């Protein structure tokens, strides 16, 4: 990184290549909306979509947000990995 906190061209090219090669899977949010609305009574809409996705696919919700972890686990019985305690 340069003196001004800017990336040089090789760092930008490397980052773009990493993103292009990353095994990213996009998930349609529309099937998650009804569940997310129910979860959003106790968390942000943004967090509720991630929690709804975790519930839908049977995944563990991974977060460093202690409050979200506690709410998701206790109130909505989701499996949670709380990184805030790590």
C-alpha atoms as a PDB file:
ATOM      1  CA  UNK A   1       0.000   0.000   0.000  1.00  0.00           C
ATOM      2  CA  UNK A   2       1.296   3.431  -0.901  1.00  0.00           C
ATOM      3  CA  UNK A   3       2.064   6.357   1.390  1.00  0.00           C
ATOM      4  CA  UNK A   4      -1.439   7.783   1.043  1.00  0.00           C
ATOM      5  CA  UNK A   5      -3.154   4.519   1.915  1.00  0.00           C
ATOM      6  CA  UNK A   6      -3.880   3.788  -1.728  1.00  0.00           C
ATOM      7  CA  UNK A   7      -3.393   0.452  -3.418  1.00  0.00           C
ATOM      8  CA  UNK A   8      -0.886   0.222  -6.220  1.00  0.00           C
ATOM      9  CA  UNK A   9      -1.849  -1.302  -9.563  1.00  0.00           C
ATOM     10  CA  UNK A  10      -0.510  -4.780  -8.763  1.00  0.00           C
ATOM     11  CA  UNK A  11      -2.526  -4.877  -5.505  1.00  0.00           C
ATOM     12  CA  UNK A  12      -5.687  -3.854  -7.363  1.00  0.00           C
ATOM     13  CA  UNK A  13      -5.076  -6.445 -10.083  1.00  0.00           C
ATOM     14  CA  UNK A  14      -4.453  -9.118  -7.447  1.00  0.00           C
ATOM     15  CA  UNK A  15      -7.641  -8.243  -5.589  1.00  0.00           C
ATOM     16  CA  UNK A  16      -9.709  -8.317  -8.770  1.00  0.00           C
ATOM     17  CA  UNK A  17      -8.221 -11.699  -9.704  1.00  0.00           C
ATOM     18  CA  UNK A  18      -9.041 -13.047  -6.229  1.00  0.00           C
ATOM     19  CA  UNK A  19     -12.663 -11.902  -6.566  1.00  0.00           C
ATOM     20  CA  UNK A  20     -12.960 -13.349 -10.066  1.00  0.00           C
ATOM     21  CA  UNK A  21     -11.634 -16.726  -8.875  1.00  0.00           C
ATOM     22  CA  UNK A  22     -13.568 -16.836  -5.585  1.00  0.00           C
ATOM     23  CA  UNK A  23     -16.203 -19.569  -5.337  1.00  0.00           C
ATOM     24  CA  UNK A  24     -18.998 -17.079  -4.640  1.00  0.00           C
ATOM     25  CA  UNK A  25     -22.563 -18.360  -4.857  1.00  0.00           C
ATOM     26  CA  UNK A  26     -25.354 -15.814  -5.079  1.00  0.00           C
ATOM     27  CA  UNK A  27     -28.613 -16.626  -3.347  1.00  0.00           C
ATOM     28  CA  UNK A  28     -31.995 -15.265  -4.416  1.00  0.00           C
ATOM     29  CA  UNK A  29     -33.264 -13.212  -1.477  1.00  0.00           C
ATOM     30  CA  UNK A  30     -36.939 -13.363  -2.420  1.00  0.00           C
ATOM     31  CA  UNK A  31     -37.670 -16.804  -0.917  1.00  0.00           C
ATOM     32  CA  UNK A  32     -36.076 -15.604   2.346  1.00  0.00           C
ATOM     33  CA  UNK A  33     -38.194 -12.488   2.797  1.00  0.00           C
ATOM     34  CA  UNK A  34     -41.110 -13.965   4.772  1.00  0.00           C
ATOM     35  CA  UNK A  35     -38.743 -15.545   7.302  1.00  0.00           C
ATOM     36  CA  UNK A  36     -36.583 -12.429   7.422  1.00  0.00           C
ATOM     37  CA  UNK A  37     -39.604 -10.264   8.252  1.00  0.00           C
ATOM     38  CA  UNK A  38     -40.397 -12.534  11.216  1.00  0.00           C
ATOM     39  CA  UNK A  39     -36.782 -12.396  12.424  1.00  0.00           C
ATOM     40  CA  UNK A  40     -36.544  -8.619  11.952  1.00  0.00           C
ATOM     41  CA  UNK A  41     -38.656  -8.010  15.059  1.00  0.00           C
ATOM     42  CA  UNK A  42     -35.446  -8.610  17.028  1.00  0.00           C
ATOM     43  CA  UNK A  43     -32.609  -7.738  14.628  1.00  0.00           C
ATOM     44  CA  UNK A  44     -31.862  -5.492  11.678  1.00  0.00           C
ATOM     45  CA  UNK A  45     -33.360  -6.360   8.318  1.00  0.00           C
ATOM     46  CA  UNK A  46     -29.852  -6.943   6.992  1.00  0.00           C
ATOM     47  CA  UNK A  47     -29.033  -9.410   9.781  1.00  0.00           C
ATOM     48  CA  UNK A  48     -32.457 -11.008   9.450  1.00  0.00           C
ATOM     49  CA  UNK A  49     -31.746 -11.937   5.828  1.00  0.00           C
ATOM     50  CA  UNK A  50     -28.507 -13.677   6.816  1.00  0.00           C
ATOM     51  CA  UNK A  51     -30.278 -15.447   9.681  1.00  0.00           C
ATOM     52  CA  UNK A  52     -33.117 -16.485   7.357  1.00  0.00           C
ATOM     53  CA  UNK A  53     -30.579 -17.909   4.911  1.00  0.00           C
ATOM     54  CA  UNK A  54     -28.864 -19.858   7.700  1.00  0.00           C
ATOM     55  CA  UNK A  55     -32.224 -21.274   8.761  1.00  0.00           C
ATOM     56  CA  UNK A  56     -33.218 -22.115   5.166  1.00  0.00           C
ATOM     57  CA  UNK A  57     -30.059 -24.072   4.340  1.00  0.00           C
ATOM     58  CA  UNK A  58     -29.471 -25.510   7.804  1.00  0.00           C
ATOM     59  CA  UNK A  59     -26.203 -23.627   8.254  1.00  0.00           C
ATOM     60  CA  UNK A  60     -24.547 -22.133  11.287  1.00  0.00           C
ATOM     61  CA  UNK A  61     -24.822 -18.346  11.497  1.00  0.00           C
ATOM     62  CA  UNK A  62     -21.300 -16.988  11.929  1.00  0.00           C
ATOM     63  CA  UNK A  63     -21.017 -13.513  13.456  1.00  0.00           C
ATOM     64  CA  UNK A  64     -18.777 -11.338  15.571  1.00  0.00           C
ATOM     65  CA  UNK A  65     -21.825  -9.433  16.823  1.00  0.00           C
ATOM     66  CA  UNK A  66     -22.459 -10.712  20.353  1.00  0.00           C
ATOM     67  CA  UNK A  67     -26.006  -9.339  20.506  1.00  0.00           C
ATOM     68  CA  UNK A  68     -26.979 -10.878  17.156  1.00  0.00           C
ATOM     69  CA  UNK A  69     -25.473 -14.218  18.199  1.00  0.00           C
ATOM     70  CA  UNK A  70     -27.402 -14.229  21.472  1.00  0.00           C
ATOM     71  CA  UNK A  71     -30.694 -13.214  19.831  1.00  0.00           C
ATOM     72  CA  UNK A  72     -30.396 -15.701  16.969  1.00  0.00           C
ATOM     73  CA  UNK A  73     -29.568 -18.572  19.304  1.00  0.00           C
ATOM     74  CA  UNK A  74     -31.892 -17.869  22.211  1.00  0.00           C
ATOM     75  CA  UNK A  75     -34.895 -16.318  20.559  1.00  0.00           C
ATOM     76  CA  UNK A  76     -34.882 -18.116  17.206  1.00  0.00           C
ATOM     77  CA  UNK A  77     -33.028 -21.350  18.056  1.00  0.00           C
ATOM     78  CA  UNK A  78     -30.450 -20.943  15.279  1.00  0.00           C
ATOM     79  CA  UNK A  79     -27.060 -22.614  15.401  1.00  0.00           C
ATOM     80  CA  UNK A  80     -24.558 -19.779  15.938  1.00  0.00           C
ATOM     81  CA  UNK A  81     -20.784 -19.449  15.988  1.00  0.00           C
ATOM     82  CA  UNK A  82     -20.062 -16.296  18.000  1.00  0.00           C
ATOM     83  CA  UNK A  83     -16.648 -14.936  17.023  1.00  0.00           C
ATOM     84  CA  UNK A  84     -16.917 -12.075  19.507  1.00  0.00           C
ATOM     85  CA  UNK A  85     -15.875 -14.482  22.252  1.00  0.00           C
ATOM     86  CA  UNK A  86     -12.908 -15.876  20.332  1.00  0.00           C
END
